[in-house]
Amino acid sequence: MQTIQAGYRSLTLLVDLNWDRILYIATLIFALMAGGYIGTLLTALRGLPGGAPGF
């Protein structure tokens, strides 16, 4: 039981020290997913098959 408590305290300390890095990674992933979604949506609205350029 002491090992579990020590591990939990260590994990809590790591999260406390690195929460800003976790937030940065989560924000980056969200931005990439949102950009991909918007790109897919715009391609569908233009009516181009497979994302072909509309020159």
N, C-alpha and C. Protein backbone atom coordinates (compact mmCIF):
# COMPACT_ATOMS: atom_id res chain seq x y z
N MET A 1 0.83 -1.19 0.00
CA MET A 1 0.00 0.00 0.00
C MET A 1 0.87 1.26 0.00
N GLN A 2 1.97 1.21 0.70
CA GLN A 2 2.87 2.37 0.74
C GLN A 2 3.48 2.62 -0.63
N THR A 3 3.73 1.55 -1.38
CA THR A 3 4.28 1.72 -2.73
C THR A 3 3.28 2.41 -3.64
N ILE A 4 2.02 2.06 -3.53
CA ILE A 4 0.97 2.70 -4.34
C ILE A 4 0.85 4.17 -3.97
N GLN A 5 0.88 4.47 -2.68
CA GLN A 5 0.79 5.86 -2.25
C GLN A 5 1.99 6.66 -2.72
N ALA A 6 3.17 6.08 -2.64
CA ALA A 6 4.38 6.78 -3.09
C ALA A 6 4.33 7.02 -4.59
N GLY A 7 3.85 6.02 -5.33
CA GLY A 7 3.72 6.18 -6.78
C GLY A 7 2.71 7.25 -7.14
N TYR A 8 1.61 7.30 -6.41
CA TYR A 8 0.59 8.32 -6.66
C TYR A 8 1.13 9.71 -6.37
N ARG A 9 1.88 9.84 -5.27
CA ARG A 9 2.47 11.14 -4.93
C ARG A 9 3.47 11.57 -6.00
N SER A 10 4.25 10.61 -6.50
CA SER A 10 5.23 10.93 -7.54
C SER A 10 4.54 11.37 -8.82
N LEU A 11 3.47 10.67 -9.19
CA LEU A 11 2.72 11.03 -10.39
C LEU A 11 2.08 12.40 -10.23
N THR A 12 1.54 12.68 -9.06
CA THR A 12 0.95 13.98 -8.79
C THR A 12 2.00 15.09 -8.90
N LEU A 13 3.19 14.84 -8.38
CA LEU A 13 4.27 15.82 -8.47
C LEU A 13 4.66 16.07 -9.91
N LEU A 14 4.76 15.01 -10.72
CA LEU A 14 5.11 15.18 -12.14
C LEU A 14 4.05 15.99 -12.87
N VAL A 15 2.80 15.73 -12.60
CA VAL A 15 1.73 16.49 -13.25
C VAL A 15 1.77 17.95 -12.79
N ASP A 16 2.00 18.18 -11.52
CA ASP A 16 2.07 19.55 -11.00
C ASP A 16 3.22 20.32 -11.66
N LEU A 17 4.33 19.66 -11.88
CA LEU A 17 5.48 20.33 -12.47
C LEU A 17 5.34 20.55 -13.97
N ASN A 18 4.59 19.68 -14.64
CA ASN A 18 4.56 19.70 -16.10
C ASN A 18 3.18 20.00 -16.68
N TRP A 19 2.28 20.58 -15.92
CA TRP A 19 0.94 20.81 -16.42
C TRP A 19 0.94 21.74 -17.62
N ASP A 20 1.85 22.70 -17.67
CA ASP A 20 1.89 23.63 -18.80
C ASP A 20 2.31 22.92 -20.08
N ARG A 21 3.19 21.94 -19.97
CA ARG A 21 3.58 21.17 -21.16
C ARG A 21 2.43 20.30 -21.65
N ILE A 22 1.67 19.74 -20.73
CA ILE A 22 0.51 18.94 -21.10
C ILE A 22 -0.52 19.83 -21.79
N LEU A 23 -0.73 21.03 -21.27
CA LEU A 23 -1.67 21.97 -21.87
C LEU A 23 -1.19 22.38 -23.26
N TYR A 24 0.10 22.61 -23.44
CA TYR A 24 0.66 22.98 -24.72
C TYR A 24 0.43 21.88 -25.75
N ILE A 25 0.68 20.64 -25.39
CA ILE A 25 0.50 19.51 -26.31
C ILE A 25 -0.98 19.36 -26.65
N ALA A 26 -1.87 19.48 -25.66
CA ALA A 26 -3.30 19.36 -25.90
C ALA A 26 -3.78 20.48 -26.84
N THR A 27 -3.29 21.69 -26.66
CA THR A 27 -3.67 22.80 -27.51
C THR A 27 -3.18 22.59 -28.94
N LEU A 28 -1.96 22.09 -29.08
CA LEU A 28 -1.41 21.82 -30.40
C LEU A 28 -2.23 20.75 -31.12
N ILE A 29 -2.57 19.68 -30.43
CA ILE A 29 -3.38 18.61 -31.03
C ILE A 29 -4.74 19.15 -31.44
N PHE A 30 -5.36 19.94 -30.56
CA PHE A 30 -6.67 20.53 -30.88
C PHE A 30 -6.58 21.43 -32.11
N ALA A 31 -5.54 22.25 -32.20
CA ALA A 31 -5.40 23.16 -33.33
C ALA A 31 -5.20 22.39 -34.64
N LEU A 32 -4.42 21.33 -34.61
CA LEU A 32 -4.21 20.52 -35.82
C LEU A 32 -5.50 19.84 -36.25
N MET A 33 -6.25 19.32 -35.29
CA MET A 33 -7.51 18.66 -35.62
C MET A 33 -8.53 19.67 -36.16
N ALA A 34 -8.59 20.85 -35.56
CA ALA A 34 -9.51 21.88 -36.03
C ALA A 34 -9.13 22.34 -37.44
N GLY A 35 -7.85 22.49 -37.70
CA GLY A 35 -7.40 22.88 -39.04
C GLY A 35 -7.74 21.83 -40.08
N GLY A 36 -7.56 20.57 -39.72
CA GLY A 36 -7.92 19.49 -40.64
C GLY A 36 -9.41 19.45 -40.91
N TYR A 37 -10.20 19.66 -39.88
CA TYR A 37 -11.66 19.68 -40.04
C TYR A 37 -12.10 20.83 -40.93
N ILE A 38 -11.56 22.01 -40.69
CA ILE A 38 -11.93 23.17 -41.50
C ILE A 38 -11.49 22.98 -42.94
N GLY A 39 -10.30 22.42 -43.14
CA GLY A 39 -9.84 22.15 -44.50
C GLY A 39 -10.73 21.16 -45.22
N THR A 40 -11.16 20.12 -44.51
CA THR A 40 -12.07 19.13 -45.10
C THR A 40 -13.42 19.78 -45.42
N LEU A 41 -13.90 20.60 -44.52
CA LEU A 41 -15.18 21.28 -44.72
C LEU A 41 -15.12 22.21 -45.92
N LEU A 42 -14.06 22.97 -46.05
CA LEU A 42 -13.93 23.89 -47.18
C LEU A 42 -13.81 23.14 -48.50
N THR A 43 -13.10 22.02 -48.49
CA THR A 43 -12.99 21.21 -49.70
C THR A 43 -14.34 20.67 -50.11
N ALA A 44 -15.13 20.22 -49.14
CA ALA A 44 -16.46 19.71 -49.44
C ALA A 44 -17.38 20.82 -49.95
N LEU A 45 -17.25 22.01 -49.41
CA LEU A 45 -18.09 23.12 -49.85
C LEU A 45 -17.76 23.56 -51.27
N ARG A 46 -16.50 23.44 -51.66
CA ARG A 46 -16.10 23.81 -53.01
C ARG A 46 -16.53 22.75 -54.02
N GLY A 47 -16.85 21.56 -53.54
CA GLY A 47 -17.32 20.51 -54.44
C GLY A 47 -16.24 19.86 -55.26
N LEU A 48 -15.00 19.92 -54.80
CA LEU A 48 -13.90 19.31 -55.52
C LEU A 48 -13.64 17.92 -55.00
N PRO A 49 -13.54 16.93 -55.86
CA PRO A 49 -13.28 15.57 -55.39
C PRO A 49 -11.86 15.38 -54.89
N GLY A 50 -11.73 14.79 -53.75
CA GLY A 50 -10.41 14.44 -53.22
C GLY A 50 -9.51 15.60 -52.89
N GLY A 51 -10.03 16.77 -52.77
CA GLY A 51 -9.22 17.92 -52.40
C GLY A 51 -8.34 18.43 -53.53
N ALA A 52 -8.75 18.22 -54.77
CA ALA A 52 -7.96 18.68 -55.91
C ALA A 52 -7.94 20.20 -55.93
N PRO A 53 -6.82 20.79 -56.32
CA PRO A 53 -6.75 22.25 -56.37
C PRO A 53 -7.68 22.81 -57.45
N GLY A 54 -8.30 23.92 -57.19
CA GLY A 54 -9.26 24.49 -58.11
C GLY A 54 -8.67 25.60 -58.96
N PHE A 55 -7.68 25.30 -59.75
CA PHE A 55 -7.06 26.34 -60.59
C PHE A 55 -7.82 26.51 -61.87
